[in-house]
Amino acid sequence: MTPSDPYGALVARLGKSIVAIGLLGALVSAIQWGAGHAAGFAIGAAGAFFNMRWLANALESPKGPAGLVLALRFGILGGGVYVILKIFEIAPLSILAGLLSAAFAAVLEVLFQLFYART
């Protein structure tokens, strides 16, 4: 993916937005509720980022059993969250809020396309 094509630029902006939202959300969570919630938000945002990158790469160049890999990513993500919840006892809502940072980044991208990228 090169940033010169529109799809590559969109994926790059989404990734940057997810990271920025994750950092800001973790900072706010640390100030408001403590380190445990901040870690949960950061873990959720990292999961959202890697999930978005994995999906973008699979859709750009599907090689081999791409459908199986796309289905397995939900199992891997869910398994990772389960282990984190059981071992580290982090609040599940903070992880869920971090995972939703991808949805918020998508809303920001829509607004960017509506107001800035008009041609």
C-alpha atoms as a PDB file:
ATOM      1  CA  MET A   1       0.000   0.000   0.000  1.00  0.00           C
ATOM      2  CA  THR A   2       1.388   3.337  -1.000  1.00  0.00           C
ATOM      3  CA  PRO A   3      -0.007   6.583   0.376  1.00  0.00           C
ATOM      4  CA  SER A   4      -0.265   7.959  -3.182  1.00  0.00           C
ATOM      5  CA  ASP A   5      -3.344   5.869  -3.962  1.00  0.00           C
ATOM      6  CA  PRO A   6      -6.611   6.884  -2.262  1.00  0.00           C
ATOM      7  CA  TYR A   7      -7.114   3.509  -0.560  1.00  0.00           C
ATOM      8  CA  GLY A   8      -3.601   3.533   0.899  1.00  0.00           C
ATOM      9  CA  ALA A   9      -4.041   7.095   2.134  1.00  0.00           C
ATOM     10  CA  LEU A  10      -7.369   6.177   3.745  1.00  0.00           C
ATOM     11  CA  VAL A  11      -5.851   3.185   5.548  1.00  0.00           C
ATOM     12  CA  ALA A  12      -2.917   5.307   6.707  1.00  0.00           C
ATOM     13  CA  ARG A  13      -5.252   8.026   8.051  1.00  0.00           C
ATOM     14  CA  LEU A  14      -7.394   5.414   9.823  1.00  0.00           C
ATOM     15  CA  GLY A  15      -4.316   3.919  11.458  1.00  0.00           C
ATOM     16  CA  LYS A  16      -3.073   7.296  12.633  1.00  0.00           C
ATOM     17  CA  SER A  17      -6.532   8.186  13.944  1.00  0.00           C
ATOM     18  CA  ILE A  18      -6.835   4.926  15.886  1.00  0.00           C
ATOM     19  CA  VAL A  19      -3.406   5.450  17.469  1.00  0.00           C
ATOM     20  CA  ALA A  20      -4.217   9.074  18.371  1.00  0.00           C
ATOM     21  CA  ILE A  21      -7.613   8.134  19.821  1.00  0.00           C
ATOM     22  CA  GLY A  22      -5.991   5.268  21.732  1.00  0.00           C
ATOM     23  CA  LEU A  23      -3.343   7.507  23.269  1.00  0.00           C
ATOM     24  CA  LEU A  24      -5.820  10.240  24.144  1.00  0.00           C
ATOM     25  CA  GLY A  25      -8.324   7.761  25.552  1.00  0.00           C
ATOM     26  CA  ALA A  26      -5.668   6.008  27.627  1.00  0.00           C
ATOM     27  CA  LEU A  27      -4.513   9.359  29.011  1.00  0.00           C
ATOM     28  CA  VAL A  28      -8.053  10.397  29.936  1.00  0.00           C
ATOM     29  CA  SER A  29      -8.722   6.953  31.447  1.00  0.00           C
ATOM     30  CA  ALA A  30      -5.541   7.142  33.514  1.00  0.00           C
ATOM     31  CA  ILE A  31      -6.460  10.562  34.876  1.00  0.00           C
ATOM     32  CA  GLN A  32     -10.119   9.732  35.488  1.00  0.00           C
ATOM     33  CA  TRP A  33     -10.113   6.060  36.593  1.00  0.00           C
ATOM     34  CA  GLY A  34      -6.529   4.898  37.083  1.00  0.00           C
ATOM     35  CA  ALA A  35      -3.876   2.790  35.410  1.00  0.00           C
ATOM     36  CA  GLY A  36      -5.959  -0.385  35.079  1.00  0.00           C
ATOM     37  CA  HIS A  37      -8.572   1.300  32.923  1.00  0.00           C
ATOM     38  CA  ALA A  38      -5.898   3.110  30.930  1.00  0.00           C
ATOM     39  CA  ALA A  39      -4.180  -0.211  30.206  1.00  0.00           C
ATOM     40  CA  GLY A  40      -7.516  -1.704  29.158  1.00  0.00           C
ATOM     41  CA  PHE A  41      -8.236   1.165  26.798  1.00  0.00           C
ATOM     42  CA  ALA A  42      -4.733   0.969  25.327  1.00  0.00           C
ATOM     43  CA  ILE A  43      -5.023  -2.798  24.828  1.00  0.00           C
ATOM     44  CA  GLY A  44      -8.396  -2.370  23.140  1.00  0.00           C
ATOM     45  CA  ALA A  45      -7.083   0.380  20.869  1.00  0.00           C
ATOM     46  CA  ALA A  46      -4.062  -1.757  19.953  1.00  0.00           C
ATOM     47  CA  GLY A  47      -6.411  -4.622  19.123  1.00  0.00           C
ATOM     48  CA  ALA A  48      -8.494  -2.296  16.962  1.00  0.00           C
ATOM     49  CA  PHE A  49      -5.381  -1.046  15.152  1.00  0.00           C
ATOM     50  CA  PHE A  50      -3.995  -4.498  14.421  1.00  0.00           C
ATOM     51  CA  ASN A  51      -7.427  -5.764  13.409  1.00  0.00           C
ATOM     52  CA  MET A  52      -7.809  -2.878  10.936  1.00  0.00           C
ATOM     53  CA  ARG A  53      -4.315  -3.462   9.491  1.00  0.00           C
ATOM     54  CA  TRP A  54      -4.933  -7.186   9.214  1.00  0.00           C
ATOM     55  CA  LEU A  55      -8.233  -6.630   7.439  1.00  0.00           C
ATOM     56  CA  ALA A  56      -6.769  -4.005   5.098  1.00  0.00           C
ATOM     57  CA  ASN A  57      -3.860  -6.248   4.122  1.00  0.00           C
ATOM     58  CA  ALA A  58      -6.134  -9.243   3.557  1.00  0.00           C
ATOM     59  CA  LEU A  59      -8.495  -7.234   1.387  1.00  0.00           C
ATOM     60  CA  GLU A  60      -5.716  -5.644  -0.634  1.00  0.00           C
ATOM     61  CA  SER A  61      -3.939  -8.854  -1.588  1.00  0.00           C
ATOM     62  CA  PRO A  62      -5.987 -11.952  -0.735  1.00  0.00           C
ATOM     63  CA  LYS A  63      -3.649 -14.910  -1.071  1.00  0.00           C
ATOM     64  CA  GLY A  64      -4.483 -18.455  -0.119  1.00  0.00           C
ATOM     65  CA  PRO A  65      -7.411 -19.099   2.168  1.00  0.00           C
ATOM     66  CA  ALA A  66      -8.188 -15.420   2.820  1.00  0.00           C
ATOM     67  CA  GLY A  67     -11.737 -16.132   3.992  1.00  0.00           C
ATOM     68  CA  LEU A  68     -10.505 -18.497   6.662  1.00  0.00           C
ATOM     69  CA  VAL A  69      -7.943 -15.987   7.880  1.00  0.00           C
ATOM     70  CA  LEU A  70     -10.578 -13.265   8.067  1.00  0.00           C
ATOM     71  CA  ALA A  71     -12.828 -15.533  10.117  1.00  0.00           C
ATOM     72  CA  LEU A  72      -9.980 -16.588  12.401  1.00  0.00           C
ATOM     73  CA  ARG A  73      -9.062 -13.008  13.268  1.00  0.00           C
ATOM     74  CA  PHE A  74     -12.220 -12.673  15.372  1.00  0.00           C
ATOM     75  CA  GLY A  75     -11.329 -15.843  17.259  1.00  0.00           C
ATOM     76  CA  ILE A  76      -7.779 -14.677  17.824  1.00  0.00           C
ATOM     77  CA  LEU A  77      -8.928 -11.217  18.940  1.00  0.00           C
ATOM     78  CA  GLY A  78     -11.586 -12.685  21.234  1.00  0.00           C
ATOM     79  CA  GLY A  79      -9.145 -15.215  22.686  1.00  0.00           C
ATOM     80  CA  GLY A  80      -6.599 -12.502  23.354  1.00  0.00           C
ATOM     81  CA  VAL A  81      -9.161 -10.339  25.116  1.00  0.00           C
ATOM     82  CA  TYR A  82     -10.344 -13.320  27.196  1.00  0.00           C
ATOM     83  CA  VAL A  83      -6.806 -14.112  28.340  1.00  0.00           C
ATOM     84  CA  ILE A  84      -6.131 -10.461  29.170  1.00  0.00           C
ATOM     85  CA  LEU A  85      -9.341 -10.246  31.186  1.00  0.00           C
ATOM     86  CA  LYS A  86      -8.656 -13.428  33.142  1.00  0.00           C
ATOM     87  CA  ILE A  87      -4.941 -12.933  33.817  1.00  0.00           C
ATOM     88  CA  PHE A  88      -4.673  -9.183  34.359  1.00  0.00           C
ATOM     89  CA  GLU A  89      -8.239  -8.590  35.616  1.00  0.00           C
ATOM     90  CA  ILE A  90      -8.669  -5.415  33.591  1.00  0.00           C
ATOM     91  CA  ALA A  91     -12.159  -3.918  33.348  1.00  0.00           C
ATOM     92  CA  PRO A  92     -13.925  -5.299  30.260  1.00  0.00           C
ATOM     93  CA  LEU A  93     -15.643  -1.999  29.473  1.00  0.00           C
ATOM     94  CA  SER A  94     -12.324  -0.204  29.123  1.00  0.00           C
ATOM     95  CA  ILE A  95     -11.140  -2.801  26.595  1.00  0.00           C
ATOM     96  CA  LEU A  96     -14.434  -2.493  24.728  1.00  0.00           C
ATOM     97  CA  ALA A  97     -14.078   1.293  24.684  1.00  0.00           C
ATOM     98  CA  GLY A  98     -10.592   0.906  23.238  1.00  0.00           C
ATOM     99  CA  LEU A  99     -11.868  -1.469  20.568  1.00  0.00           C
ATOM    100  CA  LEU A 100     -14.462   1.129  19.621  1.00  0.00           C
ATOM    101  CA  SER A 101     -11.696   3.583  18.792  1.00  0.00           C
ATOM    102  CA  ALA A 102     -11.729   2.118  15.263  1.00  0.00           C
ATOM    103  CA  ALA A 103     -15.389   3.067  14.886  1.00  0.00           C
ATOM    104  CA  PHE A 104     -14.667   6.589  16.090  1.00  0.00           C
ATOM    105  CA  ALA A 105     -11.733   6.793  13.657  1.00  0.00           C
ATOM    106  CA  ALA A 106     -14.093   5.741  10.848  1.00  0.00           C
ATOM    107  CA  VAL A 107     -16.504   8.537  11.803  1.00  0.00           C
ATOM    108  CA  LEU A 108     -13.607  11.011  11.757  1.00  0.00           C
ATOM    109  CA  GLU A 109     -12.640   9.726   8.301  1.00  0.00           C
ATOM    110  CA  VAL A 110     -16.192  10.249   7.028  1.00  0.00           C
ATOM    111  CA  LEU A 111     -16.131  13.809   8.345  1.00  0.00           C
ATOM    112  CA  PHE A 112     -12.718  14.329   6.747  1.00  0.00           C
ATOM    113  CA  GLN A 113     -14.059  13.114   3.410  1.00  0.00           C
ATOM    114  CA  LEU A 114     -17.175  15.283   3.671  1.00  0.00           C
ATOM    115  CA  PHE A 115     -15.507  18.558   4.607  1.00  0.00           C
ATOM    116  CA  TYR A 116     -11.900  18.414   3.474  1.00  0.00           C
ATOM    117  CA  ALA A 117     -11.520  16.005   0.578  1.00  0.00           C
ATOM    118  CA  ARG A 118     -14.310  17.373  -1.594  1.00  0.00           C
ATOM    119  CA  THR A 119     -13.325  17.661  -5.210  1.00  0.00           C
END
